[in-house]
Amino acid sequence: MEWAALAGTGIGAVVGVGSTLLADRAKWRRESDERTRRERRDAYVTCLTRYRLAYEDMHRAATVHRHGPPAERDTAVREAFRASGCDEIRETVLICAPEEMATVIEGVYASLRELLEVFAAGDPPLDTPEFQEHRLRHAQAVWAARSAMRTELARGA
């Protein structure tokens, strides 16, 4: 009789500890997934914000230097881009984000680099429909990235 009670107690303890471990593991996994999702969201927001600020700073530099020597405008625009931190956040996102997001991030970056060249060259001029086409391509790439980011974040980590 003593062995049956002892065995029952032992089995109960094993079941209790096992269920606690399983519950803790599930909780840890949920918390880990949520932490990863928050980190990606923060990286995505930082990335798109830096890209936006780079655009604004390059536009400002191109506007300020539009009547000056071309080399001065080129230098100012390229410095605005370098100072924006776009390359650093791009690398962070490309390392931390899922593989399928790389194409989307690269599309935005490529359109921003295209604008860099337009701003640096001063051609086409900023007040022309040709320039607006470049700006529109960038805006479309940003919207596509936002959509993909929302979808990926909604899926979870």
Protein backbone atom coordinates (compact mmCIF):
# COMPACT_ATOMS: atom_id res chain seq x y z
CA MET A 1 0.00 0.00 0.00
CA GLU A 2 2.83 2.41 0.77
CA TRP A 3 4.39 1.84 -2.63
CA ALA A 4 1.16 2.67 -4.45
CA ALA A 5 0.80 5.97 -2.60
CA LEU A 6 4.44 6.80 -3.20
CA ALA A 7 4.17 5.91 -6.90
CA GLY A 8 0.99 7.99 -7.24
CA THR A 9 2.68 10.95 -5.61
CA GLY A 10 5.73 10.56 -7.85
CA ILE A 11 3.63 10.33 -10.99
CA GLY A 12 1.62 13.37 -9.89
CA ALA A 13 4.81 15.33 -9.31
CA VAL A 14 6.19 14.38 -12.74
CA VAL A 15 2.91 15.37 -14.42
CA GLY A 16 2.81 18.66 -12.49
CA VAL A 17 6.41 19.56 -13.28
CA GLY A 18 5.98 18.54 -16.91
CA SER A 19 2.86 20.62 -17.40
CA THR A 20 4.54 23.60 -15.71
CA LEU A 21 7.54 23.25 -18.00
CA LEU A 22 5.30 23.05 -21.07
CA ALA A 23 3.34 26.11 -19.97
CA ASP A 24 6.56 28.03 -19.29
CA ARG A 25 7.94 27.03 -22.69
CA ALA A 26 4.77 28.23 -24.44
CA LYS A 27 4.87 31.52 -22.52
CA TRP A 28 8.56 32.00 -23.34
CA ARG A 29 7.86 31.35 -27.03
CA ARG A 30 4.99 33.88 -27.12
CA GLU A 31 7.14 36.49 -25.39
CA SER A 32 10.06 35.80 -27.71
CA ASP A 33 7.84 36.10 -30.79
CA GLU A 34 6.36 39.36 -29.51
CA ARG A 35 9.83 40.77 -28.75
CA THR A 36 11.01 39.84 -32.26
CA ARG A 37 7.92 41.46 -33.79
CA ARG A 38 8.51 44.67 -31.81
CA GLU A 39 12.18 44.75 -32.82
CA ARG A 40 11.29 44.32 -36.49
CA ARG A 41 8.58 46.97 -36.27
CA ASP A 42 11.06 49.41 -34.71
CA ALA A 43 13.66 48.62 -37.37
CA TYR A 44 11.10 49.07 -40.17
CA VAL A 45 9.93 52.41 -38.77
CA THR A 46 13.52 53.59 -38.34
CA CYS A 47 14.39 52.47 -41.86
CA LEU A 48 11.49 54.26 -43.55
CA THR A 49 12.01 57.33 -41.38
CA ARG A 50 15.71 57.52 -42.26
CA TYR A 51 14.88 57.08 -45.94
CA ARG A 52 12.34 59.94 -45.68
CA LEU A 53 14.79 62.22 -43.89
CA ALA A 54 17.47 61.40 -46.48
CA TYR A 55 15.05 62.39 -49.24
CA GLU A 56 14.23 65.67 -47.52
CA ASP A 57 17.88 66.50 -46.80
CA MET A 58 18.96 65.67 -50.36
CA HIS A 59 16.10 67.74 -51.76
CA ARG A 60 17.07 70.64 -49.51
CA ALA A 61 20.75 70.40 -50.56
CA ALA A 62 19.80 70.23 -54.25
CA THR A 63 17.51 73.24 -53.86
CA VAL A 64 20.05 75.34 -51.97
CA HIS A 65 22.82 74.57 -54.47
CA ARG A 66 20.76 74.49 -57.68
CA HIS A 67 22.32 77.70 -59.07
CA GLY A 68 25.81 77.01 -57.77
CA PRO A 69 28.61 74.99 -59.29
CA PRO A 70 27.56 71.40 -60.15
CA ALA A 71 30.40 69.94 -58.06
CA GLU A 72 29.19 71.85 -55.00
CA ARG A 73 25.62 70.55 -55.46
CA ASP A 74 26.90 67.00 -56.02
CA THR A 75 28.99 67.11 -52.85
CA ALA A 76 26.19 68.59 -50.74
CA VAL A 77 23.63 66.05 -51.92
CA ARG A 78 25.94 63.08 -51.41
CA GLU A 79 26.90 64.31 -47.95
CA ALA A 80 23.21 64.65 -47.04
CA PHE A 81 22.69 61.04 -48.08
CA ARG A 82 25.74 59.78 -46.17
CA ALA A 83 24.75 61.67 -43.03
CA SER A 84 21.24 60.18 -43.08
CA GLY A 85 22.33 56.76 -41.85
CA CYS A 86 20.41 54.99 -44.63
CA ASP A 87 23.17 52.49 -45.33
CA GLU A 88 23.45 51.47 -41.67
CA ILE A 89 19.73 50.96 -41.09
CA ARG A 90 19.40 49.18 -44.44
CA GLU A 91 22.00 46.65 -43.35
CA THR A 92 20.31 46.22 -39.97
CA VAL A 93 16.94 45.55 -41.56
CA LEU A 94 18.39 43.21 -44.18
CA ILE A 95 20.03 41.15 -41.43
CA CYS A 96 17.08 41.14 -39.00
CA ALA A 97 14.09 40.94 -41.33
CA PRO A 98 12.78 37.80 -43.03
CA GLU A 99 14.30 37.01 -46.42
CA GLU A 100 11.20 38.01 -48.38
CA MET A 101 11.42 41.56 -46.99
CA ALA A 102 14.89 42.07 -48.52
CA THR A 103 13.46 42.65 -52.00
CA VAL A 104 11.03 45.24 -50.69
CA ILE A 105 13.67 47.09 -48.67
CA GLU A 106 16.07 47.00 -51.61
CA GLY A 107 13.38 48.44 -53.89
CA VAL A 108 12.96 51.47 -51.66
CA TYR A 109 16.71 51.87 -51.30
CA ALA A 110 17.25 51.63 -55.08
CA SER A 111 14.63 54.30 -55.74
CA LEU A 112 16.25 56.53 -53.12
CA ARG A 113 19.66 56.02 -54.74
CA GLU A 114 18.09 56.94 -58.08
CA LEU A 115 16.87 60.17 -56.51
CA LEU A 116 20.35 60.74 -55.09
CA GLU A 117 21.75 60.72 -58.62
CA VAL A 118 18.99 63.02 -59.89
CA PHE A 119 19.52 65.49 -57.04
CA ALA A 120 23.31 65.37 -57.40
CA ALA A 121 23.19 65.94 -61.17
CA GLY A 122 20.43 68.55 -61.03
CA ASP A 123 18.88 66.80 -63.98
CA PRO A 124 16.00 66.68 -64.45
CA PRO A 125 15.27 69.96 -62.65
CA LEU A 126 13.18 69.65 -59.51
CA ASP A 127 10.22 71.54 -60.94
CA THR A 128 9.70 69.29 -63.98
CA PRO A 129 7.34 66.40 -64.67
CA GLU A 130 10.38 64.20 -65.30
CA PHE A 131 11.56 64.76 -61.74
CA GLN A 132 8.05 64.03 -60.44
CA GLU A 133 8.22 60.64 -62.19
CA HIS A 134 11.35 59.76 -60.19
CA ARG A 135 9.71 60.98 -56.99
CA LEU A 136 6.56 58.98 -57.75
CA ARG A 137 8.55 55.76 -58.29
CA HIS A 138 10.14 56.27 -54.89
CA ALA A 139 6.77 56.96 -53.27
CA GLN A 140 5.34 53.77 -54.83
CA ALA A 141 8.29 51.75 -53.51
CA VAL A 142 7.72 53.19 -50.02
CA TRP A 143 4.00 52.34 -50.14
CA ALA A 144 4.78 48.80 -51.29
CA ALA A 145 7.26 48.44 -48.42
CA ARG A 146 4.74 49.69 -45.87
CA SER A 147 2.17 47.23 -47.11
CA ALA A 148 4.61 44.31 -47.02
CA MET A 149 5.81 45.34 -43.56
CA ARG A 150 2.27 45.52 -42.21
CA THR A 151 1.49 42.09 -43.64
CA GLU A 152 4.66 40.55 -42.23
CA LEU A 153 4.10 42.10 -38.78
CA ALA A 154 0.47 40.97 -38.73
CA ARG A 155 1.60 37.39 -39.39
CA GLY A 156 3.78 37.57 -36.34
CA ALA A 157 7.37 36.58 -35.83
